[in-house]
């Protein structure tokens, strides 16, 4: 089953902030990180359970998963028809409960 990958505005903003932060050092690195994060989330459409359960999610019913890429933690929720990107944050930041 192929699910639709959804990027809510909040998650889009978080990715844009990460891009802007990296951009201060290198446009090539900023583009690489952004494109690889986007590519990794597209893979979730067919393999949603490829990453472990979100360890920072309180009362995780098994639908919240997360993984790290380039020091960014991407959290997402698996529903019957969609993959919802919940959060993109740098791993050095203190995790927030969600």
C-alpha atoms as a PDB file:
ATOM      1  CA  UNK A   1       0.000   0.000   0.000  1.00  0.00           C
ATOM      2  CA  UNK A   2       1.305   3.448  -0.923  1.00  0.00           C
ATOM      3  CA  UNK A   3       0.464   6.263   1.468  1.00  0.00           C
ATOM      4  CA  UNK A   4       0.506   9.995   0.779  1.00  0.00           C
ATOM      5  CA  UNK A   5       3.296  11.915   2.563  1.00  0.00           C
ATOM      6  CA  UNK A   6       1.946  15.114   4.120  1.00  0.00           C
ATOM      7  CA  UNK A   7       4.103  18.037   5.272  1.00  0.00           C
ATOM      8  CA  UNK A   8       1.969  20.320   7.490  1.00  0.00           C
ATOM      9  CA  UNK A   9       2.969  23.994   7.467  1.00  0.00           C
ATOM     10  CA  UNK A  10       4.673  23.717  10.873  1.00  0.00           C
ATOM     11  CA  UNK A  11       6.983  20.942   9.636  1.00  0.00           C
ATOM     12  CA  UNK A  12       7.665  22.826   6.397  1.00  0.00           C
ATOM     13  CA  UNK A  13       8.686  25.836   8.479  1.00  0.00           C
ATOM     14  CA  UNK A  14      10.996  23.700  10.614  1.00  0.00           C
ATOM     15  CA  UNK A  15      12.721  22.324   7.505  1.00  0.00           C
ATOM     16  CA  UNK A  16      13.018  25.847   6.081  1.00  0.00           C
ATOM     17  CA  UNK A  17      14.633  27.058   9.316  1.00  0.00           C
ATOM     18  CA  UNK A  18      17.135  24.200   9.192  1.00  0.00           C
ATOM     19  CA  UNK A  19      17.905  25.059   5.570  1.00  0.00           C
ATOM     20  CA  UNK A  20      18.424  28.735   6.425  1.00  0.00           C
ATOM     21  CA  UNK A  21      20.711  27.827   9.319  1.00  0.00           C
ATOM     22  CA  UNK A  22      22.911  25.571   7.175  1.00  0.00           C
ATOM     23  CA  UNK A  23      22.835  28.122   4.348  1.00  0.00           C
ATOM     24  CA  UNK A  24      24.908  30.530   6.465  1.00  0.00           C
ATOM     25  CA  UNK A  25      27.814  28.089   6.047  1.00  0.00           C
ATOM     26  CA  UNK A  26      27.252  26.505   2.644  1.00  0.00           C
ATOM     27  CA  UNK A  27      24.595  26.608  -0.051  1.00  0.00           C
ATOM     28  CA  UNK A  28      25.681  23.158  -1.267  1.00  0.00           C
ATOM     29  CA  UNK A  29      25.320  21.624   2.193  1.00  0.00           C
ATOM     30  CA  UNK A  30      21.965  23.303   2.741  1.00  0.00           C
ATOM     31  CA  UNK A  31      20.640  21.936  -0.551  1.00  0.00           C
ATOM     32  CA  UNK A  32      22.065  18.459   0.108  1.00  0.00           C
ATOM     33  CA  UNK A  33      20.522  18.181   3.586  1.00  0.00           C
ATOM     34  CA  UNK A  34      17.153  19.522   2.431  1.00  0.00           C
ATOM     35  CA  UNK A  35      16.976  17.258  -0.631  1.00  0.00           C
ATOM     36  CA  UNK A  36      18.034  14.155   1.292  1.00  0.00           C
ATOM     37  CA  UNK A  37      15.512  14.793   4.073  1.00  0.00           C
ATOM     38  CA  UNK A  38      12.771  15.204   1.458  1.00  0.00           C
ATOM     39  CA  UNK A  39      13.906  12.051  -0.377  1.00  0.00           C
ATOM     40  CA  UNK A  40      13.961  10.074   2.875  1.00  0.00           C
ATOM     41  CA  UNK A  41      10.379  11.090   3.660  1.00  0.00           C
ATOM     42  CA  UNK A  42       9.209  10.067   0.172  1.00  0.00           C
ATOM     43  CA  UNK A  43      10.463   6.537   0.906  1.00  0.00           C
ATOM     44  CA  UNK A  44       8.060   6.402   3.841  1.00  0.00           C
ATOM     45  CA  UNK A  45       5.127   6.232   1.406  1.00  0.00           C
ATOM     46  CA  UNK A  46       5.909   2.580   0.715  1.00  0.00           C
ATOM     47  CA  UNK A  47       7.947   1.623   3.805  1.00  0.00           C
ATOM     48  CA  UNK A  48       6.360   3.487   6.740  1.00  0.00           C
ATOM     49  CA  UNK A  49       7.617   1.066   9.394  1.00  0.00           C
ATOM     50  CA  UNK A  50      11.252   1.191   8.288  1.00  0.00           C
ATOM     51  CA  UNK A  51      12.169   3.350  11.309  1.00  0.00           C
ATOM     52  CA  UNK A  52      11.714   2.647  15.035  1.00  0.00           C
ATOM     53  CA  UNK A  53       8.912   3.946  17.198  1.00  0.00           C
ATOM     54  CA  UNK A  54       9.365   7.557  18.353  1.00  0.00           C
ATOM     55  CA  UNK A  55      11.123   7.243  21.703  1.00  0.00           C
ATOM     56  CA  UNK A  56      10.129  10.768  22.794  1.00  0.00           C
ATOM     57  CA  UNK A  57       6.438  10.307  22.033  1.00  0.00           C
ATOM     58  CA  UNK A  58       4.379   9.950  25.195  1.00  0.00           C
ATOM     59  CA  UNK A  59       1.767   7.196  25.077  1.00  0.00           C
ATOM     60  CA  UNK A  60       2.817   6.138  21.604  1.00  0.00           C
ATOM     61  CA  UNK A  61       0.116   3.926  20.170  1.00  0.00           C
ATOM     62  CA  UNK A  62       2.617   2.617  17.616  1.00  0.00           C
ATOM     63  CA  UNK A  63       1.762   5.129  14.907  1.00  0.00           C
ATOM     64  CA  UNK A  64       4.555   7.596  15.721  1.00  0.00           C
ATOM     65  CA  UNK A  65       8.025   6.853  14.410  1.00  0.00           C
ATOM     66  CA  UNK A  66      11.267   8.812  14.074  1.00  0.00           C
ATOM     67  CA  UNK A  67      14.748   8.696  12.579  1.00  0.00           C
ATOM     68  CA  UNK A  68      17.840  10.869  12.325  1.00  0.00           C
ATOM     69  CA  UNK A  69      19.523  12.204   9.221  1.00  0.00           C
ATOM     70  CA  UNK A  70      22.340  14.781   9.181  1.00  0.00           C
ATOM     71  CA  UNK A  71      21.784  15.524  12.877  1.00  0.00           C
ATOM     72  CA  UNK A  72      18.091  16.210  12.294  1.00  0.00           C
ATOM     73  CA  UNK A  73      15.398  14.090  13.882  1.00  0.00           C
ATOM     74  CA  UNK A  74      12.386  13.575  11.638  1.00  0.00           C
ATOM     75  CA  UNK A  75       9.259  12.456  13.481  1.00  0.00           C
ATOM     76  CA  UNK A  76       6.238  11.195  11.609  1.00  0.00           C
ATOM     77  CA  UNK A  77       2.865   9.572  12.136  1.00  0.00           C
ATOM     78  CA  UNK A  78       1.588   6.624  10.144  1.00  0.00           C
ATOM     79  CA  UNK A  79      -2.142   6.546   9.422  1.00  0.00           C
ATOM     80  CA  UNK A  80      -4.097   4.216   7.174  1.00  0.00           C
ATOM     81  CA  UNK A  81      -3.723   6.473   4.125  1.00  0.00           C
ATOM     82  CA  UNK A  82      -1.063   9.029   5.046  1.00  0.00           C
ATOM     83  CA  UNK A  83       2.363   9.658   6.497  1.00  0.00           C
ATOM     84  CA  UNK A  84       2.299  12.963   8.363  1.00  0.00           C
ATOM     85  CA  UNK A  85       5.640  14.630   9.033  1.00  0.00           C
ATOM     86  CA  UNK A  86       5.193  15.841  12.601  1.00  0.00           C
ATOM     87  CA  UNK A  87       8.514  17.523  13.341  1.00  0.00           C
ATOM     88  CA  UNK A  88      12.006  18.254  12.050  1.00  0.00           C
ATOM     89  CA  UNK A  89      14.460  19.370  14.717  1.00  0.00           C
ATOM     90  CA  UNK A  90      18.196  19.373  15.281  1.00  0.00           C
ATOM     91  CA  UNK A  91      19.331  16.568  17.564  1.00  0.00           C
ATOM     92  CA  UNK A  92      21.247  18.968  19.821  1.00  0.00           C
ATOM     93  CA  UNK A  93      17.976  20.612  20.829  1.00  0.00           C
ATOM     94  CA  UNK A  94      16.225  19.315  23.914  1.00  0.00           C
ATOM     95  CA  UNK A  95      13.426  16.988  22.809  1.00  0.00           C
ATOM     96  CA  UNK A  96       9.883  18.239  23.320  1.00  0.00           C
ATOM     97  CA  UNK A  97       7.136  15.869  24.301  1.00  0.00           C
ATOM     98  CA  UNK A  98       4.588  15.445  21.541  1.00  0.00           C
END
